[in-house]
C-alpha atoms as a PDB file:
ATOM      1  CA  MET A   1     -92.578  33.334 -76.296  1.00  0.00           C
ATOM      2  CA  ILE A   2     -91.818  36.929 -75.292  1.00  0.00           C
ATOM      3  CA  VAL A   3     -90.742  37.550 -71.698  1.00  0.00           C
ATOM      4  CA  VAL A   4     -90.906  41.196 -70.636  1.00  0.00           C
ATOM      5  CA  PHE A   5     -89.050  42.243 -67.487  1.00  0.00           C
ATOM      6  CA  GLY A   6     -89.818  45.800 -66.526  1.00  0.00           C
ATOM      7  CA  SER A   7     -91.979  48.495 -65.028  1.00  0.00           C
ATOM      8  CA  LEU A   8     -95.697  48.801 -64.386  1.00  0.00           C
ATOM      9  CA  ASN A   9     -97.299  52.159 -63.604  1.00  0.00           C
ATOM     10  CA  VAL A  10    -100.591  53.916 -63.267  1.00  0.00           C
ATOM     11  CA  ASP A  11    -100.431  56.949 -65.572  1.00  0.00           C
ATOM     12  CA  ILE A  12    -102.261  60.171 -64.792  1.00  0.00           C
ATOM     13  CA  VAL A  13    -102.529  61.896 -68.169  1.00  0.00           C
ATOM     14  CA  MET A  14    -103.429  65.601 -68.281  1.00  0.00           C
ATOM     15  CA  LEU A  15    -104.396  67.148 -71.617  1.00  0.00           C
ATOM     16  CA  SER A  16    -103.950  70.894 -72.054  1.00  0.00           C
ATOM     17  CA  SER A  17    -103.365  73.527 -74.714  1.00  0.00           C
ATOM     18  CA  LYS A  18     -99.682  73.823 -73.750  1.00  0.00           C
ATOM     19  CA  LEU A  19     -97.078  72.437 -71.377  1.00  0.00           C
ATOM     20  CA  PRO A  20     -96.487  74.679 -68.338  1.00  0.00           C
ATOM     21  CA  SER A  21     -93.269  76.628 -67.884  1.00  0.00           C
ATOM     22  CA  PRO A  22     -91.529  76.478 -64.470  1.00  0.00           C
ATOM     23  CA  GLY A  23     -93.791  78.141 -61.901  1.00  0.00           C
ATOM     24  CA  GLU A  24     -96.741  78.351 -64.294  1.00  0.00           C
ATOM     25  CA  THR A  25    -100.189  76.845 -63.746  1.00  0.00           C
ATOM     26  CA  VAL A  26    -102.089  75.756 -66.864  1.00  0.00           C
ATOM     27  CA  ILE A  27    -105.780  74.849 -66.837  1.00  0.00           C
ATOM     28  CA  GLY A  28    -106.116  71.463 -68.513  1.00  0.00           C
ATOM     29  CA  ALA A  29    -108.831  70.225 -70.835  1.00  0.00           C
ATOM     30  CA  ASP A  30    -109.158  66.672 -69.504  1.00  0.00           C
ATOM     31  CA  CYS A  31    -107.560  64.050 -67.275  1.00  0.00           C
ATOM     32  CA  LEU A  32    -107.220  60.296 -67.805  1.00  0.00           C
ATOM     33  CA  MET A  33    -106.021  57.599 -65.417  1.00  0.00           C
ATOM     34  CA  VAL A  34    -104.716  54.594 -67.364  1.00  0.00           C
ATOM     35  CA  ALA A  35    -102.249  51.732 -67.066  1.00  0.00           C
ATOM     36  CA  GLY A  36     -98.666  52.414 -68.164  1.00  0.00           C
ATOM     37  CA  GLY A  37     -94.995  51.807 -67.414  1.00  0.00           C
ATOM     38  CA  LYS A  38     -92.487  51.018 -70.155  1.00  0.00           C
ATOM     39  CA  GLY A  39     -92.361  47.317 -69.420  1.00  0.00           C
ATOM     40  CA  ALA A  40     -96.125  46.913 -69.236  1.00  0.00           C
ATOM     41  CA  ASN A  41     -96.640  49.082 -72.319  1.00  0.00           C
ATOM     42  CA  GLN A  42     -94.260  46.932 -74.341  1.00  0.00           C
ATOM     43  CA  ALA A  43     -95.839  43.718 -73.080  1.00  0.00           C
ATOM     44  CA  CYS A  44     -99.320  44.989 -73.948  1.00  0.00           C
ATOM     45  CA  ALA A  45     -98.204  46.202 -77.391  1.00  0.00           C
ATOM     46  CA  ALA A  46     -96.565  42.848 -78.149  1.00  0.00           C
ATOM     47  CA  ALA A  47     -99.637  40.890 -77.064  1.00  0.00           C
ATOM     48  CA  ARG A  48    -102.046  43.061 -79.063  1.00  0.00           C
ATOM     49  CA  ALA A  49     -99.777  42.612 -82.086  1.00  0.00           C
ATOM     50  CA  GLY A  50    -100.184  38.834 -81.778  1.00  0.00           C
ATOM     51  CA  GLY A  51     -97.332  37.836 -79.467  1.00  0.00           C
ATOM     52  CA  ASP A  52     -97.379  35.187 -76.731  1.00  0.00           C
ATOM     53  CA  VAL A  53     -96.258  37.331 -73.783  1.00  0.00           C
ATOM     54  CA  ALA A  54     -95.428  36.901 -70.084  1.00  0.00           C
ATOM     55  CA  MET A  55     -94.786  39.948 -67.866  1.00  0.00           C
ATOM     56  CA  PHE A  56     -92.423  40.038 -64.877  1.00  0.00           C
ATOM     57  CA  GLY A  57     -92.098  42.992 -62.514  1.00  0.00           C
ATOM     58  CA  ALA A  58     -93.603  44.352 -59.311  1.00  0.00           C
ATOM     59  CA  VAL A  59     -96.574  46.427 -58.206  1.00  0.00           C
ATOM     60  CA  GLY A  60     -97.447  47.713 -54.751  1.00  0.00           C
ATOM     61  CA  ASP A  61     -99.797  46.245 -52.178  1.00  0.00           C
ATOM     62  CA  ASP A  62    -102.336  48.980 -52.862  1.00  0.00           C
ATOM     63  CA  ASP A  63    -105.494  49.823 -54.778  1.00  0.00           C
ATOM     64  CA  TRP A  64    -103.552  50.892 -57.880  1.00  0.00           C
ATOM     65  CA  ALA A  65    -102.029  47.442 -58.403  1.00  0.00           C
ATOM     66  CA  ALA A  66    -105.177  46.086 -60.046  1.00  0.00           C
ATOM     67  CA  GLN A  67    -105.371  49.056 -62.396  1.00  0.00           C
ATOM     68  CA  ALA A  68    -101.714  48.639 -63.387  1.00  0.00           C
ATOM     69  CA  THR A  69    -102.287  44.997 -64.412  1.00  0.00           C
ATOM     70  CA  ALA A  70    -105.876  44.871 -65.685  1.00  0.00           C
ATOM     71  CA  THR A  71    -105.181  45.986 -69.264  1.00  0.00           C
ATOM     72  CA  LEU A  72    -102.345  43.474 -69.556  1.00  0.00           C
ATOM     73  CA  ALA A  73    -104.671  40.647 -68.530  1.00  0.00           C
ATOM     74  CA  GLU A  74    -107.312  41.847 -71.003  1.00  0.00           C
ATOM     75  CA  ALA A  75    -104.660  41.800 -73.761  1.00  0.00           C
ATOM     76  CA  GLY A  76    -103.837  38.168 -72.976  1.00  0.00           C
ATOM     77  CA  VAL A  77    -100.517  38.766 -71.203  1.00  0.00           C
ATOM     78  CA  ASP A  78     -99.563  36.167 -68.576  1.00  0.00           C
ATOM     79  CA  ILE A  79     -99.326  38.275 -65.394  1.00  0.00           C
ATOM     80  CA  ALA A  80     -98.594  35.455 -62.926  1.00  0.00           C
ATOM     81  CA  GLY A  81     -94.974  36.622 -62.671  1.00  0.00           C
ATOM     82  CA  ILE A  82     -95.870  40.119 -61.401  1.00  0.00           C
ATOM     83  CA  GLY A  83     -94.982  40.317 -57.715  1.00  0.00           C
ATOM     84  CA  ARG A  84     -96.069  42.575 -54.863  1.00  0.00           C
ATOM     85  CA  GLY A  85     -93.499  44.993 -53.470  1.00  0.00           C
ATOM     86  CA  SER A  86     -93.448  46.916 -50.194  1.00  0.00           C
ATOM     87  CA  ARG A  87     -93.602  50.326 -51.916  1.00  0.00           C
ATOM     88  CA  HIS A  88     -96.483  51.967 -53.793  1.00  0.00           C
ATOM     89  CA  THR A  89     -97.381  50.934 -57.330  1.00  0.00           C
ATOM     90  CA  GLY A  90     -95.375  52.990 -59.828  1.00  0.00           C
ATOM     91  CA  CYS A  91     -97.031  56.199 -60.962  1.00  0.00           C
ATOM     92  CA  ALA A  92     -96.373  58.634 -63.800  1.00  0.00           C
ATOM     93  CA  THR A  93     -97.812  62.112 -64.269  1.00  0.00           C
ATOM     94  CA  ILE A  94     -97.948  62.934 -67.980  1.00  0.00           C
ATOM     95  CA  MET A  95     -98.795  66.344 -69.409  1.00  0.00           C
ATOM     96  CA  VAL A  96     -99.734  66.447 -73.113  1.00  0.00           C
ATOM     97  CA  ASP A  97    -100.153  69.590 -75.230  1.00  0.00           C
ATOM     98  CA  ARG A  98    -102.399  70.132 -78.252  1.00  0.00           C
ATOM     99  CA  GLY A  99     -99.615  69.011 -80.622  1.00  0.00           C
ATOM    100  CA  GLY A 100     -99.217  65.676 -78.838  1.00  0.00           C
ATOM    101  CA  GLU A 101     -95.893  66.519 -77.156  1.00  0.00           C
ATOM    102  CA  ASN A 102     -95.503  65.512 -73.533  1.00  0.00           C
ATOM    103  CA  ALA A 103     -93.615  66.043 -70.281  1.00  0.00           C
ATOM    104  CA  ILE A 104     -93.417  63.157 -67.803  1.00  0.00           C
ATOM    105  CA  VAL A 105     -92.461  62.624 -64.146  1.00  0.00           C
ATOM    106  CA  VAL A 106     -92.266  59.042 -62.855  1.00  0.00           C
ATOM    107  CA  ALA A 107     -92.412  57.890 -59.220  1.00  0.00           C
ATOM    108  CA  SER A 108     -90.906  54.400 -59.514  1.00  0.00           C
ATOM    109  CA  GLY A 109     -92.221  52.860 -56.290  1.00  0.00           C
ATOM    110  CA  ALA A 110     -92.444  49.064 -56.419  1.00  0.00           C
ATOM    111  CA  ASN A 111     -90.730  48.964 -59.813  1.00  0.00           C
ATOM    112  CA  MET A 112     -87.430  49.258 -57.951  1.00  0.00           C
ATOM    113  CA  GLU A 113     -88.279  45.974 -56.197  1.00  0.00           C
ATOM    114  CA  ALA A 114     -88.582  43.916 -59.399  1.00  0.00           C
ATOM    115  CA  ARG A 115     -86.047  41.089 -59.196  1.00  0.00           C
ATOM    116  CA  ALA A 116     -84.362  39.098 -61.950  1.00  0.00           C
ATOM    117  CA  ASP A 117     -84.664  35.868 -59.976  1.00  0.00           C
ATOM    118  CA  GLY A 118     -88.439  36.197 -60.307  1.00  0.00           C
ATOM    119  CA  VAL A 119     -88.042  35.029 -63.922  1.00  0.00           C
ATOM    120  CA  PRO A 120     -87.649  31.219 -63.837  1.00  0.00           C
ATOM    121  CA  ASP A 121     -84.960  29.518 -65.898  1.00  0.00           C
ATOM    122  CA  ALA A 122     -87.661  27.543 -67.689  1.00  0.00           C
ATOM    123  CA  MET A 123     -88.862  30.791 -69.290  1.00  0.00           C
ATOM    124  CA  LEU A 124     -85.424  31.555 -70.737  1.00  0.00           C
ATOM    125  CA  THR A 125     -84.938  29.239 -73.700  1.00  0.00           C
ATOM    126  CA  PRO A 126     -83.672  29.530 -77.298  1.00  0.00           C
ATOM    127  CA  ASN A 127     -87.337  30.099 -78.240  1.00  0.00           C
ATOM    128  CA  THR A 128     -87.616  33.109 -75.923  1.00  0.00           C
ATOM    129  CA  TRP A 129     -87.272  36.793 -76.725  1.00  0.00           C
ATOM    130  CA  LEU A 130     -86.386  38.632 -73.502  1.00  0.00           C
ATOM    131  CA  VAL A 131     -87.390  42.317 -73.596  1.00  0.00           C
ATOM    132  CA  LEU A 132     -86.025  44.804 -71.038  1.00  0.00           C
ATOM    133  CA  GLN A 133     -86.044  48.575 -70.440  1.00  0.00           C
ATOM    134  CA  MET A 134     -84.500  50.902 -67.842  1.00  0.00           C
ATOM    135  CA  GLU A 135     -87.326  51.740 -65.390  1.00  0.00           C
ATOM    136  CA  VAL A 136     -86.290  49.073 -62.864  1.00  0.00           C
ATOM    137  CA  ASP A 137     -83.124  48.587 -60.826  1.00  0.00           C
ATOM    138  CA  VAL A 138     -80.711  48.232 -63.743  1.00  0.00           C
ATOM    139  CA  ALA A 139     -78.494  45.811 -61.791  1.00  0.00           C
ATOM    140  CA  GLU A 140     -81.409  43.352 -62.067  1.00  0.00           C
ATOM    141  CA  ASN A 141     -81.449  43.873 -65.837  1.00  0.00           C
ATOM    142  CA  TRP A 142     -77.773  42.973 -66.120  1.00  0.00           C
ATOM    143  CA  ALA A 143     -78.214  39.875 -63.938  1.00  0.00           C
ATOM    144  CA  LEU A 144     -81.156  38.681 -66.041  1.00  0.00           C
ATOM    145  CA  ILE A 145     -79.309  39.356 -69.299  1.00  0.00           C
ATOM    146  CA  ARG A 146     -76.417  37.149 -68.124  1.00  0.00           C
ATOM    147  CA  ARG A 147     -78.782  34.294 -67.263  1.00  0.00           C
ATOM    148  CA  ALA A 148     -80.727  34.657 -70.500  1.00  0.00           C
ATOM    149  CA  ARG A 149     -77.549  34.619 -72.599  1.00  0.00           C
ATOM    150  CA  ASP A 150     -76.263  31.521 -70.808  1.00  0.00           C
ATOM    151  CA  ARG A 151     -79.544  29.741 -71.589  1.00  0.00           C
ATOM    152  CA  GLY A 152     -79.642  30.776 -75.252  1.00  0.00           C
ATOM    153  CA  ALA A 153     -82.524  33.261 -75.161  1.00  0.00           C
ATOM    154  CA  ARG A 154     -82.535  36.187 -77.575  1.00  0.00           C
ATOM    155  CA  ILE A 155     -82.354  39.578 -75.899  1.00  0.00           C
ATOM    156  CA  LEU A 156     -83.805  42.971 -76.834  1.00  0.00           C
ATOM    157  CA  LEU A 157     -82.809  45.899 -74.625  1.00  0.00           C
ATOM    158  CA  ASN A 158     -84.578  49.257 -74.898  1.00  0.00           C
ATOM    159  CA  VAL A 159     -82.287  51.810 -73.233  1.00  0.00           C
ATOM    160  CA  ALA A 160     -85.068  54.111 -72.044  1.00  0.00           C
ATOM    161  CA  PRO A 161     -84.829  56.205 -70.004  1.00  0.00           C
ATOM    162  CA  ALA A 162     -81.262  56.844 -71.158  1.00  0.00           C
ATOM    163  CA  ALA A 163     -78.517  55.501 -68.892  1.00  0.00           C
ATOM    164  CA  ALA A 164     -75.124  53.855 -69.190  1.00  0.00           C
ATOM    165  CA  VAL A 165     -75.027  50.154 -70.071  1.00  0.00           C
ATOM    166  CA  PRO A 166     -72.097  47.898 -69.080  1.00  0.00           C
ATOM    167  CA  ALA A 167     -70.032  46.617 -71.994  1.00  0.00           C
ATOM    168  CA  GLU A 168     -70.662  43.029 -70.891  1.00  0.00           C
ATOM    169  CA  ALA A 169     -74.416  43.569 -71.202  1.00  0.00           C
ATOM    170  CA  LEU A 170     -74.067  45.112 -74.650  1.00  0.00           C
ATOM    171  CA  ASP A 171     -71.950  42.142 -75.710  1.00  0.00           C
ATOM    172  CA  ALA A 172     -74.809  39.823 -74.701  1.00  0.00           C
ATOM    173  CA  VAL A 173     -77.674  41.760 -76.311  1.00  0.00           C
ATOM    174  CA  ASP A 174     -79.028  40.788 -79.729  1.00  0.00           C
ATOM    175  CA  ILE A 175     -80.983  43.980 -80.433  1.00  0.00           C
ATOM    176  CA  LEU A 176     -80.558  47.415 -78.904  1.00  0.00           C
ATOM    177  CA  VAL A 177     -83.493  49.822 -79.344  1.00  0.00           C
ATOM    178  CA  VAL A 178     -82.698  53.486 -78.692  1.00  0.00           C
ATOM    179  CA  ASN A 179     -83.655  56.956 -79.774  1.00  0.00           C
ATOM    180  CA  GLN A 180     -81.037  59.375 -81.061  1.00  0.00           C
ATOM    181  CA  ILE A 181     -80.288  60.823 -77.618  1.00  0.00           C
ATOM    182  CA  GLU A 182     -79.950  57.385 -76.047  1.00  0.00           C
ATOM    183  CA  ALA A 183     -77.681  56.143 -78.847  1.00  0.00           C
ATOM    184  CA  ALA A 184     -75.380  59.128 -78.443  1.00  0.00           C
ATOM    185  CA  MET A 185     -75.265  58.761 -74.656  1.00  0.00           C
ATOM    186  CA  ILE A 186     -74.242  55.092 -74.811  1.00  0.00           C
ATOM    187  CA  ALA A 187     -71.645  55.738 -77.515  1.00  0.00           C
ATOM    188  CA  GLU A 188     -70.184  58.656 -75.569  1.00  0.00           C
ATOM    189  CA  SER A 189     -69.915  56.563 -72.403  1.00  0.00           C
ATOM    190  CA  GLU A 190     -67.841  54.072 -74.404  1.00  0.00           C
ATOM    191  CA  GLY A 191     -65.655  56.696 -76.041  1.00  0.00           C
ATOM    192  CA  LEU A 192     -67.119  55.957 -79.477  1.00  0.00           C
ATOM    193  CA  PRO A 193     -67.605  58.531 -82.271  1.00  0.00           C
ATOM    194  CA  LEU A 194     -70.886  60.413 -82.098  1.00  0.00           C
ATOM    195  CA  ASP A 195     -71.365  61.095 -85.816  1.00  0.00           C
ATOM    196  CA  ASP A 196     -72.893  57.604 -86.284  1.00  0.00           C
ATOM    197  CA  PRO A 197     -73.322  56.060 -82.812  1.00  0.00           C
ATOM    198  CA  GLY A 198     -75.504  53.181 -83.992  1.00  0.00           C
ATOM    199  CA  THR A 199     -72.883  51.886 -86.410  1.00  0.00           C
ATOM    200  CA  ALA A 200     -70.149  52.375 -83.806  1.00  0.00           C
ATOM    201  CA  LEU A 201     -72.073  50.269 -81.270  1.00  0.00           C
ATOM    202  CA  VAL A 202     -72.716  47.535 -83.836  1.00  0.00           C
ATOM    203  CA  THR A 203     -69.030  47.396 -84.764  1.00  0.00           C
ATOM    204  CA  ARG A 204     -67.878  47.150 -81.155  1.00  0.00           C
ATOM    205  CA  HIS A 205     -70.498  44.767 -79.758  1.00  0.00           C
ATOM    206  CA  GLY A 206     -71.787  42.749 -82.729  1.00  0.00           C
ATOM    207  CA  LEU A 207     -75.426  43.525 -81.955  1.00  0.00           C
ATOM    208  CA  ALA A 208     -78.176  45.062 -84.071  1.00  0.00           C
ATOM    209  CA  CYS A 209     -79.002  48.668 -83.201  1.00  0.00           C
ATOM    210  CA  VAL A 210     -82.440  50.072 -84.019  1.00  0.00           C
ATOM    211  CA  THR A 211     -82.613  53.856 -83.653  1.00  0.00           C
ATOM    212  CA  THR A 212     -86.093  55.359 -83.564  1.00  0.00           C
ATOM    213  CA  LEU A 213     -86.543  58.771 -85.191  1.00  0.00           C
ATOM    214  CA  GLY A 214     -90.018  59.777 -83.997  1.00  0.00           C
ATOM    215  CA  ALA A 215     -92.216  60.770 -86.921  1.00  0.00           C
ATOM    216  CA  GLY A 216     -89.214  60.095 -89.176  1.00  0.00           C
ATOM    217  CA  GLY A 217     -89.421  56.323 -88.666  1.00  0.00           C
ATOM    218  CA  ALA A 218     -86.377  54.277 -87.681  1.00  0.00           C
ATOM    219  CA  VAL A 219     -82.976  53.049 -88.824  1.00  0.00           C
ATOM    220  CA  ALA A 220     -81.541  49.604 -88.086  1.00  0.00           C
ATOM    221  CA  ILE A 221     -77.871  48.697 -88.394  1.00  0.00           C
ATOM    222  CA  SER A 222     -76.647  45.146 -87.906  1.00  0.00           C
ATOM    223  CA  PRO A 223     -73.594  43.083 -88.796  1.00  0.00           C
ATOM    224  CA  ASP A 224     -75.650  41.774 -91.745  1.00  0.00           C
ATOM    225  CA  GLY A 225     -76.700  45.161 -93.156  1.00  0.00           C
ATOM    226  CA  GLY A 226     -78.833  48.213 -92.505  1.00  0.00           C
ATOM    227  CA  TRP A 227     -82.375  49.375 -93.261  1.00  0.00           C
ATOM    228  CA  ARG A 228     -84.427  52.533 -92.941  1.00  0.00           C
ATOM    229  CA  ILE A 229     -88.188  52.788 -92.547  1.00  0.00           C
ATOM    230  CA  ASP A 230     -90.257  55.974 -92.771  1.00  0.00           C
ATOM    231  CA  GLY A 231     -92.960  56.930 -90.301  1.00  0.00           C
ATOM    232  CA  LEU A 232     -96.604  56.545 -91.264  1.00  0.00           C
ATOM    233  CA  PRO A 233     -98.023  60.091 -91.581  1.00  0.00           C
ATOM    234  CA  VAL A 234    -100.724  60.771 -88.977  1.00  0.00           C
ATOM    235  CA  ASP A 235    -102.179  63.727 -87.076  1.00  0.00           C
ATOM    236  CA  PRO A 236    -100.833  63.103 -83.561  1.00  0.00           C
ATOM    237  CA  VAL A 237    -103.031  63.450 -80.501  1.00  0.00           C
ATOM    238  CA  ASP A 238    -100.612  62.074 -77.899  1.00  0.00           C
ATOM    239  CA  THR A 239     -97.109  60.691 -78.559  1.00  0.00           C
ATOM    240  CA  THR A 240     -96.884  59.045 -75.111  1.00  0.00           C
ATOM    241  CA  GLY A 241     -96.078  55.357 -75.433  1.00  0.00           C
ATOM    242  CA  ALA A 242     -95.167  55.451 -79.125  1.00  0.00           C
ATOM    243  CA  GLY A 243     -91.622  54.256 -78.482  1.00  0.00           C
ATOM    244  CA  ASP A 244     -92.899  51.452 -76.258  1.00  0.00           C
ATOM    245  CA  CYS A 245     -95.416  50.502 -78.931  1.00  0.00           C
ATOM    246  CA  PHE A 246     -92.645  50.341 -81.539  1.00  0.00           C
ATOM    247  CA  THR A 247     -90.484  48.152 -79.291  1.00  0.00           C
ATOM    248  CA  GLY A 248     -93.268  45.759 -78.315  1.00  0.00           C
ATOM    249  CA  VAL A 249     -94.510  45.276 -81.871  1.00  0.00           C
ATOM    250  CA  LEU A 250     -90.936  44.878 -83.156  1.00  0.00           C
ATOM    251  CA  ALA A 251     -90.380  42.081 -80.620  1.00  0.00           C
ATOM    252  CA  ALA A 252     -93.698  40.389 -81.396  1.00  0.00           C
ATOM    253  CA  THR A 253     -93.089  40.471 -85.147  1.00  0.00           C
ATOM    254  CA  LEU A 254     -89.547  39.131 -84.830  1.00  0.00           C
ATOM    255  CA  ALA A 255     -90.776  36.400 -82.468  1.00  0.00           C
ATOM    256  CA  GLY A 256     -93.345  35.495 -85.111  1.00  0.00           C
ATOM    257  CA  GLY A 257     -90.523  34.737 -87.545  1.00  0.00           C
ATOM    258  CA  ALA A 258     -90.315  37.952 -89.595  1.00  0.00           C
ATOM    259  CA  ASP A 259     -87.002  39.490 -90.629  1.00  0.00           C
ATOM    260  CA  MET A 260     -85.833  42.892 -89.417  1.00  0.00           C
ATOM    261  CA  PRO A 261     -87.122  44.982 -92.379  1.00  0.00           C
ATOM    262  CA  ALA A 262     -90.622  43.508 -92.057  1.00  0.00           C
ATOM    263  CA  ALA A 263     -90.605  43.907 -88.282  1.00  0.00           C
ATOM    264  CA  MET A 264     -89.520  47.551 -88.575  1.00  0.00           C
ATOM    265  CA  ARG A 265     -92.328  48.293 -91.020  1.00  0.00           C
ATOM    266  CA  ARG A 266     -94.990  46.770 -88.763  1.00  0.00           C
ATOM    267  CA  ALA A 267     -93.571  48.479 -85.673  1.00  0.00           C
ATOM    268  CA  SER A 268     -93.458  51.861 -87.414  1.00  0.00           C
ATOM    269  CA  VAL A 269     -97.091  51.599 -88.483  1.00  0.00           C
ATOM    270  CA  ALA A 270     -98.124  50.591 -84.966  1.00  0.00           C
ATOM    271  CA  ALA A 271     -96.211  53.454 -83.337  1.00  0.00           C
ATOM    272  CA  ALA A 272     -97.877  55.982 -85.646  1.00  0.00           C
ATOM    273  CA  LEU A 273    -101.348  54.604 -84.908  1.00  0.00           C
ATOM    274  CA  CYS A 274    -100.561  54.797 -81.190  1.00  0.00           C
ATOM    275  CA  CYS A 275    -100.093  58.567 -81.537  1.00  0.00           C
ATOM    276  CA  THR A 276    -103.664  59.045 -82.789  1.00  0.00           C
ATOM    277  CA  VAL A 277    -105.248  58.101 -79.432  1.00  0.00           C
ATOM    278  CA  ALA A 278    -104.752  59.733 -76.027  1.00  0.00           C
ATOM    279  CA  GLY A 279    -103.276  57.652 -73.213  1.00  0.00           C
ATOM    280  CA  THR A 280    -100.682  54.911 -73.007  1.00  0.00           C
ATOM    281  CA  GLN A 281    -101.896  51.304 -73.057  1.00  0.00           C
ATOM    282  CA  SER A 282    -105.313  52.586 -74.117  1.00  0.00           C
ATOM    283  CA  SER A 283    -103.698  53.797 -77.359  1.00  0.00           C
ATOM    284  CA  LEU A 284    -101.850  50.599 -78.325  1.00  0.00           C
ATOM    285  CA  PRO A 285    -103.309  49.191 -81.574  1.00  0.00           C
ATOM    286  CA  MET A 286    -104.549  45.666 -82.226  1.00  0.00           C
ATOM    287  CA  ALA A 287    -102.923  43.420 -84.826  1.00  0.00           C
ATOM    288  CA  GLU A 288    -105.830  43.854 -87.239  1.00  0.00           C
ATOM    289  CA  ALA A 289    -105.512  47.643 -87.180  1.00  0.00           C
ATOM    290  CA  ILE A 290    -101.751  47.470 -87.707  1.00  0.00           C
ATOM    291  CA  ASP A 291    -101.892  45.019 -90.569  1.00  0.00           C
ATOM    292  CA  ALA A 292    -104.709  46.959 -92.275  1.00  0.00           C
ATOM    293  CA  ARG A 293    -102.374  49.959 -92.629  1.00  0.00           C
ATOM    294  CA  LEU A 294     -99.180  48.150 -93.683  1.00  0.00           C
ATOM    295  CA  GLY A 295     -99.928  48.916 -97.314  1.00  0.00           C
ATOM    296  CA  ASP A 296     -99.841  52.642 -96.530  1.00  0.00           C
ATOM    297  CA  LEU A 297     -96.135  52.516 -95.647  1.00  0.00           C
ATOM    298  CA  SER A 298     -93.398  51.578 -98.099  1.00  0.00           C
ATOM    299  CA  PRO A 299     -91.122  48.667 -97.114  1.00  0.00           C
ATOM    300  CA  ALA A 300     -87.858  49.354 -95.330  1.00  0.00           C
ATOM    301  CA  GLU A 301     -85.028  50.233 -97.687  1.00  0.00           C
ATOM    302  CA  PRO A 302     -81.371  49.153 -97.391  1.00  0.00           C
ATOM    303  CA  VAL A 303     -78.921  51.801 -96.205  1.00  0.00           C
END
């Protein structure tokens, strides 16, 4: 079982030839309104990759709530744990240029009302992978991590958007997923060397640190060793959600019993495929599509 605690948004995606500079108006080519939010994206990606997933978070008491949850339900995610907050459903405005690069503004809304105590103890067992990100009130993340650790669940924390993480939380996490900026920010906040922040975090906290490198793939360092996986070459249309796709598929593959190198390979393929379709949850690939392309990417190599 994968339990995802995190954000749910409605994403307004605007496609244009370039991203606007401050004060500039750019005429866009198209506009999409799709479900998003880091938590929901990761839950959807994990379910489409074959995981048994339950989502916990909050949406508003408004017309957008149904849109924020519909794709999750279609993917087979258990959405019974998604509550209704007093604020609007989370919303993100995403601008995407012709090269697939993006600029994003998020209005958190009801995501800030997601509560750790909404996840029942019965869902936090040694057979559970708990997946968290940073688009909710982070104090609720830390409270849920403490409960999950006490009950023997395995914990994957994606530190996105980048923010400081208490040492006690890092001590309790099994897998930390970060990009290079996020890794450096956490290491700097702990006074660790920045030349190899992933290794420094592993040494101090005994966790596994997976650093995503965009089109360059990912590197994982753990107390048991390290691995590097390349990215699957694709022509990107929209990179939005690729990191969430990687995280969700990594969790689903690990929950299915695979080791880290195999999980990294599957997650890297999925993230690349995600970039070939515009939108967020609309771009997350199914298990069949992922597994059909595994042979196009070499296995992870030890580092």
